[in-house]
Amino acid sequence: MVSPNGEWLLLRLGTGTGADLRYRRLSGDTTSQPLVATPASESDARFSPDGKWVAYASDVAPSVGRERFLREIQLAA
């Protein structure tokens, strides 16, 4: 998923319970940084229209099932 300003990319790395969310620039230094790194599996990440928030799903509480979360993101200029 590309950010609304076209500068950032959300990635899901890993499989199963080891899948985490990361983000990276599309140009310049493209080293990825963790957005969500837990023992659970995160997926389905989407930027908000203004690019300040990321919504994602996680099974962090297996007894509850998959839940949706919203996280504010501070992307470097």
C-alpha atoms as a PDB file:
ATOM      1  CA  MET A   1       0.000   0.000   0.000  1.00  0.00           C
ATOM      2  CA  VAL A   2       1.455   3.349  -1.068  1.00  0.00           C
ATOM      3  CA  SER A   3       0.932   6.454   1.087  1.00  0.00           C
ATOM      4  CA  PRO A   4      -1.345   9.234  -0.209  1.00  0.00           C
ATOM      5  CA  ASN A   5       1.693  11.450  -0.935  1.00  0.00           C
ATOM      6  CA  GLY A   6       3.346   8.632  -2.933  1.00  0.00           C
ATOM      7  CA  GLU A   7       6.525   8.613  -0.817  1.00  0.00           C
ATOM      8  CA  TRP A   8       6.011   5.587   1.480  1.00  0.00           C
ATOM      9  CA  LEU A   9       5.146   1.920   1.151  1.00  0.00           C
ATOM     10  CA  LEU A  10       3.558  -0.348   3.772  1.00  0.00           C
ATOM     11  CA  LEU A  11       4.877  -3.915   3.738  1.00  0.00           C
ATOM     12  CA  ARG A  12       3.853  -7.162   5.382  1.00  0.00           C
ATOM     13  CA  LEU A  13       6.889  -9.343   5.995  1.00  0.00           C
ATOM     14  CA  GLY A  14       6.848 -12.910   7.252  1.00  0.00           C
ATOM     15  CA  THR A  15       4.150 -15.545   7.229  1.00  0.00           C
ATOM     16  CA  GLY A  16       1.655 -16.965   9.677  1.00  0.00           C
ATOM     17  CA  THR A  17       2.083 -15.783  13.244  1.00  0.00           C
ATOM     18  CA  GLY A  18       5.381 -14.102  12.358  1.00  0.00           C
ATOM     19  CA  ALA A  19       3.947 -11.586   9.889  1.00  0.00           C
ATOM     20  CA  ASP A  20       4.732  -7.997  10.861  1.00  0.00           C
ATOM     21  CA  LEU A  21       4.087  -4.611   9.278  1.00  0.00           C
ATOM     22  CA  ARG A  22       6.916  -2.381   8.125  1.00  0.00           C
ATOM     23  CA  TYR A  23       7.202   0.799   6.068  1.00  0.00           C
ATOM     24  CA  ARG A  24       9.863   2.253   3.790  1.00  0.00           C
ATOM     25  CA  ARG A  25      10.471   5.096   1.382  1.00  0.00           C
ATOM     26  CA  LEU A  26       9.911   4.474  -2.314  1.00  0.00           C
ATOM     27  CA  SER A  27      13.121   6.313  -3.206  1.00  0.00           C
ATOM     28  CA  GLY A  28      16.372   7.280  -1.520  1.00  0.00           C
ATOM     29  CA  ASP A  29      17.031   5.219   1.604  1.00  0.00           C
ATOM     30  CA  THR A  30      14.596   2.314   1.188  1.00  0.00           C
ATOM     31  CA  THR A  31      15.523   0.549   4.426  1.00  0.00           C
ATOM     32  CA  SER A  32      12.302  -0.691   6.016  1.00  0.00           C
ATOM     33  CA  GLN A  33      11.323   0.254   9.568  1.00  0.00           C
ATOM     34  CA  PRO A  34       8.918  -1.623  11.858  1.00  0.00           C
ATOM     35  CA  LEU A  35       5.399  -0.268  12.151  1.00  0.00           C
ATOM     36  CA  VAL A  36       3.974  -3.191  14.116  1.00  0.00           C
ATOM     37  CA  ALA A  37       6.146  -6.048  15.361  1.00  0.00           C
ATOM     38  CA  THR A  38       4.427  -8.428  17.750  1.00  0.00           C
ATOM     39  CA  PRO A  39       4.300 -12.201  18.205  1.00  0.00           C
ATOM     40  CA  ALA A  40       0.866 -12.043  16.505  1.00  0.00           C
ATOM     41  CA  SER A  41       0.133 -11.792  12.793  1.00  0.00           C
ATOM     42  CA  GLU A  42      -0.688  -8.332  11.401  1.00  0.00           C
ATOM     43  CA  SER A  43      -2.126  -7.713   7.941  1.00  0.00           C
ATOM     44  CA  ASP A  44      -4.443  -5.606   5.757  1.00  0.00           C
ATOM     45  CA  ALA A  45      -2.667  -2.305   6.459  1.00  0.00           C
ATOM     46  CA  ARG A  46      -4.074   0.855   4.898  1.00  0.00           C
ATOM     47  CA  PHE A  47      -3.079   4.526   5.152  1.00  0.00           C
ATOM     48  CA  SER A  48      -5.711   7.076   6.102  1.00  0.00           C
ATOM     49  CA  PRO A  49      -6.475   9.612   3.337  1.00  0.00           C
ATOM     50  CA  ASP A  50      -4.264  12.214   5.066  1.00  0.00           C
ATOM     51  CA  GLY A  51      -1.419   9.676   5.569  1.00  0.00           C
ATOM     52  CA  LYS A  52      -1.247  10.279   9.336  1.00  0.00           C
ATOM     53  CA  TRP A  53      -2.823   6.983  10.438  1.00  0.00           C
ATOM     54  CA  VAL A  54      -2.569   3.328   9.511  1.00  0.00           C
ATOM     55  CA  ALA A  55      -5.403   0.857  10.044  1.00  0.00           C
ATOM     56  CA  TYR A  56      -4.522  -2.838  10.223  1.00  0.00           C
ATOM     57  CA  ALA A  57      -5.821  -6.202  11.408  1.00  0.00           C
ATOM     58  CA  SER A  58      -4.159  -8.382  14.040  1.00  0.00           C
ATOM     59  CA  ASP A  59      -4.825 -11.639  15.840  1.00  0.00           C
ATOM     60  CA  VAL A  60      -2.971 -10.399  18.927  1.00  0.00           C
ATOM     61  CA  ALA A  61      -5.775 -11.846  21.105  1.00  0.00           C
ATOM     62  CA  PRO A  62      -6.466 -15.285  19.576  1.00  0.00           C
ATOM     63  CA  SER A  63      -9.431 -15.894  21.873  1.00  0.00           C
ATOM     64  CA  VAL A  64     -11.122 -12.834  20.337  1.00  0.00           C
ATOM     65  CA  GLY A  65     -10.121 -13.414  16.715  1.00  0.00           C
ATOM     66  CA  ARG A  66      -8.886 -10.823  14.249  1.00  0.00           C
ATOM     67  CA  GLU A  67      -9.307  -7.241  15.422  1.00  0.00           C
ATOM     68  CA  ARG A  68      -8.851  -3.924  13.619  1.00  0.00           C
ATOM     69  CA  PHE A  69      -6.463  -1.336  15.021  1.00  0.00           C
ATOM     70  CA  LEU A  70      -5.638   2.268  14.201  1.00  0.00           C
ATOM     71  CA  ARG A  71      -2.137   3.628  14.784  1.00  0.00           C
ATOM     72  CA  GLU A  72      -0.828   7.152  14.331  1.00  0.00           C
ATOM     73  CA  ILE A  73       2.295   7.161  12.189  1.00  0.00           C
ATOM     74  CA  GLN A  74       5.053   9.763  12.216  1.00  0.00           C
ATOM     75  CA  LEU A  75       6.869   9.549   8.882  1.00  0.00           C
ATOM     76  CA  ALA A  76      10.186  11.358   8.608  1.00  0.00           C
ATOM     77  CA  ALA A  77      10.195  14.292   6.242  1.00  0.00           C
END
